[in-house]
Amino acid sequence: MVSQKVTITNKSGIHARPAGELAKVAKDCKSDTLLLIDTKIINIKSILNLMAAAIRQGTEVTIQCDGEGEEEDLKKIIDAINSGLGE
């Protein structure tokens, strides 16, 4: 299992469009992918779960990947978040 903290920089946080982009990246991952905020554990492959979390700009989250290809998957997800998720 690997994990890394990252801060959400999108001006509007994780709403429908960025949630869709993030879930799309995660669905291509072989490992189990989770987003951790305080006590919440969110499956990154679920657009609805990402949107329901109401993640705002400036929120620090932990991305956790576990399983086959976990290091590559973590890098893909972190890169996607840092690139602004299409916004």
C-alpha atoms as a PDB file:
ATOM      1  CA  MET A   1       0.000   0.000   0.000  1.00  0.00           C
ATOM      2  CA  VAL A   2       1.225   3.480  -0.906  1.00  0.00           C
ATOM      3  CA  SER A   3      -0.260   6.870  -0.079  1.00  0.00           C
ATOM      4  CA  GLN A   4       0.424  10.556  -0.537  1.00  0.00           C
ATOM      5  CA  LYS A   5      -1.175  13.794   0.603  1.00  0.00           C
ATOM      6  CA  VAL A   6      -2.236  16.376  -1.961  1.00  0.00           C
ATOM      7  CA  THR A   7      -4.146  19.652  -1.793  1.00  0.00           C
ATOM      8  CA  ILE A   8      -7.139  20.219  -4.067  1.00  0.00           C
ATOM      9  CA  THR A   9      -6.443  23.367  -6.099  1.00  0.00           C
ATOM     10  CA  ASN A  10      -9.532  23.510  -8.322  1.00  0.00           C
ATOM     11  CA  LYS A  11     -11.303  26.840  -7.752  1.00  0.00           C
ATOM     12  CA  SER A  12     -14.707  25.132  -7.405  1.00  0.00           C
ATOM     13  CA  GLY A  13     -13.377  22.035  -5.650  1.00  0.00           C
ATOM     14  CA  ILE A  14     -14.433  18.558  -6.790  1.00  0.00           C
ATOM     15  CA  HIS A  15     -17.802  19.089  -8.472  1.00  0.00           C
ATOM     16  CA  ALA A  16     -19.290  17.078 -11.364  1.00  0.00           C
ATOM     17  CA  ARG A  17     -16.676  17.644 -14.089  1.00  0.00           C
ATOM     18  CA  PRO A  18     -13.516  17.129 -12.004  1.00  0.00           C
ATOM     19  CA  ALA A  19     -15.143  14.206 -10.185  1.00  0.00           C
ATOM     20  CA  GLY A  20     -15.798  12.585 -13.552  1.00  0.00           C
ATOM     21  CA  GLU A  21     -12.224  13.164 -14.684  1.00  0.00           C
ATOM     22  CA  LEU A  22     -10.787  11.784 -11.450  1.00  0.00           C
ATOM     23  CA  ALA A  23     -13.042   8.719 -11.542  1.00  0.00           C
ATOM     24  CA  LYS A  24     -12.071   8.132 -15.185  1.00  0.00           C
ATOM     25  CA  VAL A  25      -8.373   8.110 -14.265  1.00  0.00           C
ATOM     26  CA  ALA A  26      -9.023   5.813 -11.289  1.00  0.00           C
ATOM     27  CA  LYS A  27     -11.086   3.337 -13.326  1.00  0.00           C
ATOM     28  CA  ASP A  28      -7.992   2.661 -15.463  1.00  0.00           C
ATOM     29  CA  CYS A  29      -6.040   1.736 -12.318  1.00  0.00           C
ATOM     30  CA  LYS A  30      -5.544  -1.912 -11.393  1.00  0.00           C
ATOM     31  CA  SER A  31      -5.099  -1.184  -7.685  1.00  0.00           C
ATOM     32  CA  ASP A  32      -7.774  -0.269  -5.169  1.00  0.00           C
ATOM     33  CA  THR A  33      -7.885   3.523  -5.020  1.00  0.00           C
ATOM     34  CA  LEU A  34      -9.176   5.510  -2.054  1.00  0.00           C
ATOM     35  CA  LEU A  35      -9.349   9.166  -1.113  1.00  0.00           C
ATOM     36  CA  LEU A  36      -9.151   9.891   2.622  1.00  0.00           C
ATOM     37  CA  ILE A  37     -10.436  13.108   4.219  1.00  0.00           C
ATOM     38  CA  ASP A  38     -10.412  13.197   8.000  1.00  0.00           C
ATOM     39  CA  THR A  39     -12.542  10.139   8.862  1.00  0.00           C
ATOM     40  CA  LYS A  40     -14.151   9.779   5.397  1.00  0.00           C
ATOM     41  CA  ILE A  41     -13.006   7.008   3.064  1.00  0.00           C
ATOM     42  CA  ILE A  42     -14.056   7.544  -0.551  1.00  0.00           C
ATOM     43  CA  ASN A  43     -13.741   5.135  -3.466  1.00  0.00           C
ATOM     44  CA  ILE A  44     -12.158   7.302  -6.183  1.00  0.00           C
ATOM     45  CA  LYS A  45     -13.717   5.160  -8.926  1.00  0.00           C
ATOM     46  CA  SER A  46     -17.201   6.410  -7.905  1.00  0.00           C
ATOM     47  CA  ILE A  47     -18.223   9.801  -9.324  1.00  0.00           C
ATOM     48  CA  LEU A  48     -21.184   9.987  -6.947  1.00  0.00           C
ATOM     49  CA  ASN A  49     -19.060   9.327  -3.871  1.00  0.00           C
ATOM     50  CA  LEU A  50     -16.568  12.008  -4.936  1.00  0.00           C
ATOM     51  CA  MET A  51     -19.328  14.568  -5.494  1.00  0.00           C
ATOM     52  CA  ALA A  52     -21.095  13.675  -2.228  1.00  0.00           C
ATOM     53  CA  ALA A  53     -17.879  14.348  -0.289  1.00  0.00           C
ATOM     54  CA  ALA A  54     -18.168  18.081  -1.195  1.00  0.00           C
ATOM     55  CA  ILE A  55     -14.398  18.544  -1.427  1.00  0.00           C
ATOM     56  CA  ARG A  56     -13.527  22.246  -1.571  1.00  0.00           C
ATOM     57  CA  GLN A  57     -10.509  24.113  -2.867  1.00  0.00           C
ATOM     58  CA  GLY A  58      -7.646  23.999  -0.372  1.00  0.00           C
ATOM     59  CA  THR A  59      -8.719  20.702   1.186  1.00  0.00           C
ATOM     60  CA  GLU A  60      -5.802  18.375   1.911  1.00  0.00           C
ATOM     61  CA  VAL A  61      -6.641  14.775   1.033  1.00  0.00           C
ATOM     62  CA  THR A  62      -4.696  11.531   1.144  1.00  0.00           C
ATOM     63  CA  ILE A  63      -4.683   9.306  -1.922  1.00  0.00           C
ATOM     64  CA  GLN A  64      -4.146   5.636  -1.109  1.00  0.00           C
ATOM     65  CA  CYS A  65      -3.518   2.826  -3.600  1.00  0.00           C
ATOM     66  CA  ASP A  66      -3.253  -0.837  -2.718  1.00  0.00           C
ATOM     67  CA  GLY A  67      -2.583  -3.741  -5.055  1.00  0.00           C
ATOM     68  CA  GLU A  68      -1.042  -4.445  -8.435  1.00  0.00           C
ATOM     69  CA  GLY A  69       0.548  -1.334  -9.962  1.00  0.00           C
ATOM     70  CA  GLU A  70      -0.094   0.757  -6.853  1.00  0.00           C
ATOM     71  CA  GLU A  71       2.906   3.077  -7.293  1.00  0.00           C
ATOM     72  CA  GLU A  72       2.074   3.864 -10.927  1.00  0.00           C
ATOM     73  CA  ASP A  73      -1.601   4.329 -10.058  1.00  0.00           C
ATOM     74  CA  LEU A  74      -0.761   6.722  -7.227  1.00  0.00           C
ATOM     75  CA  LYS A  75       1.377   8.799  -9.580  1.00  0.00           C
ATOM     76  CA  LYS A  76      -1.405   8.920 -12.220  1.00  0.00           C
ATOM     77  CA  ILE A  77      -3.995  10.095  -9.698  1.00  0.00           C
ATOM     78  CA  ILE A  78      -1.716  12.687  -8.079  1.00  0.00           C
ATOM     79  CA  ASP A  79      -0.709  14.005 -11.517  1.00  0.00           C
ATOM     80  CA  ALA A  80      -4.367  14.286 -12.534  1.00  0.00           C
ATOM     81  CA  ILE A  81      -5.237  16.231  -9.377  1.00  0.00           C
ATOM     82  CA  ASN A  82      -2.227  18.529  -9.746  1.00  0.00           C
ATOM     83  CA  SER A  83      -3.125  19.206 -13.389  1.00  0.00           C
ATOM     84  CA  GLY A  84      -6.511  20.597 -12.350  1.00  0.00           C
ATOM     85  CA  LEU A  85      -8.689  17.686 -13.546  1.00  0.00           C
ATOM     86  CA  GLY A  86      -9.529  19.272 -16.886  1.00  0.00           C
ATOM     87  CA  GLU A  87     -10.316  22.748 -15.579  1.00  0.00           C
END
